[in-house]
Each structure stands twice: as C-alpha cells, then as structure tokens.
Amino acid sequence: MKTLTLLVGKHCGLCEDARMQIRFAQEDAAFEVEEKMIEGDEVLEAEYFMRIPVLMDGDKIVQEGNIDFVTIIEYLTNNK
C-alpha cells in the first residue's frame, strides 16, 4: 500500500482542510498518510513554511496549499 507524507504546521487551517480531503480520498483509494510537522526542522521550515500543507510521494510533490480529494485520487490512479 502506498504511503504519502503530509507536511503540516501548527494552527494551520488549510492543514485541517487537507486532512478532511485526505479522508475523503481514502474512501475511494487505498493509501496511508504519514504526517510530519515542519516546526522544529530548520530544513523543512525553510523549504515549506509558506507552502503548507504539502502532500508528497517520496520527494515528489503531489499537491500543496489547497489539497483536494479529486487530485489525490487522480494522482494515485496514474502513479500506481
């Protein structure tokens, strides 16, 4: 089963929305999500602070900012 990584921050409304969209996508596609908080990691903060939430598949960005379940399902369908 594929595992995607969701980069999130504290007090991030878009991150909450992303979690909801991911749950919707998981109703139609089998995948897991590992969340990673960027605070406290200087490299992640420098790279992604203004871009979170960021959904990644390894080093590849699936989507950032506004995450939606349609894009997630399309990505998983095309990248099995």
C-alpha atoms as a PDB file:
ATOM      1  CA  MET A   1       0.000   0.000   0.000  1.00  0.00           C
ATOM      2  CA  LYS A   2       1.289   3.435  -0.947  1.00  0.00           C
ATOM      3  CA  THR A   3       2.197   5.842   1.839  1.00  0.00           C
ATOM      4  CA  LEU A   4       2.097   9.584   1.229  1.00  0.00           C
ATOM      5  CA  THR A   5       3.538  12.242   3.531  1.00  0.00           C
ATOM      6  CA  LEU A   6       1.576  15.303   4.624  1.00  0.00           C
ATOM      7  CA  LEU A   7       3.723  18.211   5.774  1.00  0.00           C
ATOM      8  CA  VAL A   8       1.784  20.339   8.249  1.00  0.00           C
ATOM      9  CA  GLY A   9       2.222  23.199  10.670  1.00  0.00           C
ATOM     10  CA  LYS A  10       0.701  24.265  13.964  1.00  0.00           C
ATOM     11  CA  HIS A  11      -2.504  26.291  13.888  1.00  0.00           C
ATOM     12  CA  CYS A  12      -2.904  25.680  10.150  1.00  0.00           C
ATOM     13  CA  GLY A  13      -6.491  25.828   8.897  1.00  0.00           C
ATOM     14  CA  LEU A  14      -5.506  24.608   5.453  1.00  0.00           C
ATOM     15  CA  CYS A  15      -3.858  21.601   7.115  1.00  0.00           C
ATOM     16  CA  GLU A  16      -7.165  20.708   8.787  1.00  0.00           C
ATOM     17  CA  ASP A  17      -8.907  21.001   5.419  1.00  0.00           C
ATOM     18  CA  ALA A  18      -6.223  18.792   3.868  1.00  0.00           C
ATOM     19  CA  ARG A  19      -6.800  16.091   6.483  1.00  0.00           C
ATOM     20  CA  MET A  20     -10.509  16.090   5.654  1.00  0.00           C
ATOM     21  CA  GLN A  21      -9.842  15.873   1.911  1.00  0.00           C
ATOM     22  CA  ILE A  22      -7.414  13.002   2.504  1.00  0.00           C
ATOM     23  CA  ARG A  23     -10.078  11.120   4.494  1.00  0.00           C
ATOM     24  CA  PHE A  24     -12.491  11.589   1.565  1.00  0.00           C
ATOM     25  CA  ALA A  25      -9.874  10.228  -0.848  1.00  0.00           C
ATOM     26  CA  GLN A  26      -9.219   7.237   1.414  1.00  0.00           C
ATOM     27  CA  GLU A  27     -12.860   6.234   0.987  1.00  0.00           C
ATOM     28  CA  ASP A  28     -12.117   5.562  -2.705  1.00  0.00           C
ATOM     29  CA  ALA A  29      -8.419   4.697  -2.755  1.00  0.00           C
ATOM     30  CA  ALA A  30      -6.237   2.554  -0.514  1.00  0.00           C
ATOM     31  CA  PHE A  31      -3.305   4.578   0.798  1.00  0.00           C
ATOM     32  CA  GLU A  32      -1.812   5.666   4.084  1.00  0.00           C
ATOM     33  CA  VAL A  33      -0.659   9.092   5.174  1.00  0.00           C
ATOM     34  CA  GLU A  34       2.221   9.911   7.459  1.00  0.00           C
ATOM     35  CA  GLU A  35       2.053  13.412   8.917  1.00  0.00           C
ATOM     36  CA  LYS A  36       5.197  15.394   9.510  1.00  0.00           C
ATOM     37  CA  MET A  37       5.226  18.636  11.482  1.00  0.00           C
ATOM     38  CA  ILE A  38       7.631  21.122   9.895  1.00  0.00           C
ATOM     39  CA  GLU A  39       8.156  23.207  13.043  1.00  0.00           C
ATOM     40  CA  GLY A  40      11.454  22.388  14.677  1.00  0.00           C
ATOM     41  CA  ASP A  41      13.039  21.151  11.454  1.00  0.00           C
ATOM     42  CA  GLU A  42      15.049  24.038  10.016  1.00  0.00           C
ATOM     43  CA  VAL A  43      15.300  22.493   6.553  1.00  0.00           C
ATOM     44  CA  LEU A  44      11.572  21.765   6.268  1.00  0.00           C
ATOM     45  CA  GLU A  45      10.643  25.168   7.679  1.00  0.00           C
ATOM     46  CA  ALA A  46      12.884  26.970   5.197  1.00  0.00           C
ATOM     47  CA  GLU A  47      11.529  24.978   2.242  1.00  0.00           C
ATOM     48  CA  TYR A  48       7.828  24.615   3.066  1.00  0.00           C
ATOM     49  CA  PHE A  49       6.756  27.208   5.664  1.00  0.00           C
ATOM     50  CA  MET A  50       4.796  29.317   3.165  1.00  0.00           C
ATOM     51  CA  ARG A  51       3.571  26.275   1.204  1.00  0.00           C
ATOM     52  CA  ILE A  52       1.932  24.003   3.795  1.00  0.00           C
ATOM     53  CA  PRO A  53       0.069  21.793   3.689  1.00  0.00           C
ATOM     54  CA  VAL A  54       2.151  19.811   1.227  1.00  0.00           C
ATOM     55  CA  LEU A  55       1.244  16.261   0.207  1.00  0.00           C
ATOM     56  CA  MET A  56       4.232  14.278  -1.017  1.00  0.00           C
ATOM     57  CA  ASP A  57       5.005  10.901  -2.518  1.00  0.00           C
ATOM     58  CA  GLY A  58       8.629  10.432  -1.570  1.00  0.00           C
ATOM     59  CA  ASP A  59      10.390  13.529  -2.917  1.00  0.00           C
ATOM     60  CA  LYS A  60       7.612  14.311  -5.406  1.00  0.00           C
ATOM     61  CA  ILE A  61       5.014  16.947  -4.509  1.00  0.00           C
ATOM     62  CA  VAL A  62       1.508  15.676  -5.203  1.00  0.00           C
ATOM     63  CA  GLN A  63      -0.221  18.907  -4.183  1.00  0.00           C
ATOM     64  CA  GLU A  64       0.375  21.912  -1.947  1.00  0.00           C
ATOM     65  CA  GLY A  65      -1.717  24.668  -0.418  1.00  0.00           C
ATOM     66  CA  ASN A  66      -5.299  23.661  -1.136  1.00  0.00           C
ATOM     67  CA  ILE A  67      -5.401  19.875  -1.095  1.00  0.00           C
ATOM     68  CA  ASP A  68      -8.413  18.216  -2.739  1.00  0.00           C
ATOM     69  CA  PHE A  69      -9.501  14.602  -2.883  1.00  0.00           C
ATOM     70  CA  VAL A  70     -10.010  14.569  -6.664  1.00  0.00           C
ATOM     71  CA  THR A  71      -6.360  15.439  -7.313  1.00  0.00           C
ATOM     72  CA  ILE A  72      -5.223  12.824  -4.791  1.00  0.00           C
ATOM     73  CA  ILE A  73      -7.303  10.075  -6.418  1.00  0.00           C
ATOM     74  CA  GLU A  74      -6.157  11.080  -9.922  1.00  0.00           C
ATOM     75  CA  TYR A  75      -2.535  11.025  -8.746  1.00  0.00           C
ATOM     76  CA  LEU A  76      -2.891   7.589  -7.160  1.00  0.00           C
ATOM     77  CA  THR A  77      -4.674   6.214 -10.243  1.00  0.00           C
ATOM     78  CA  ASN A  78      -1.917   7.435 -12.547  1.00  0.00           C
ATOM     79  CA  ASN A  79       1.017   6.541 -10.275  1.00  0.00           C
ATOM     80  CA  LYS A  80       0.386   3.021  -9.049  1.00  0.00           C
END
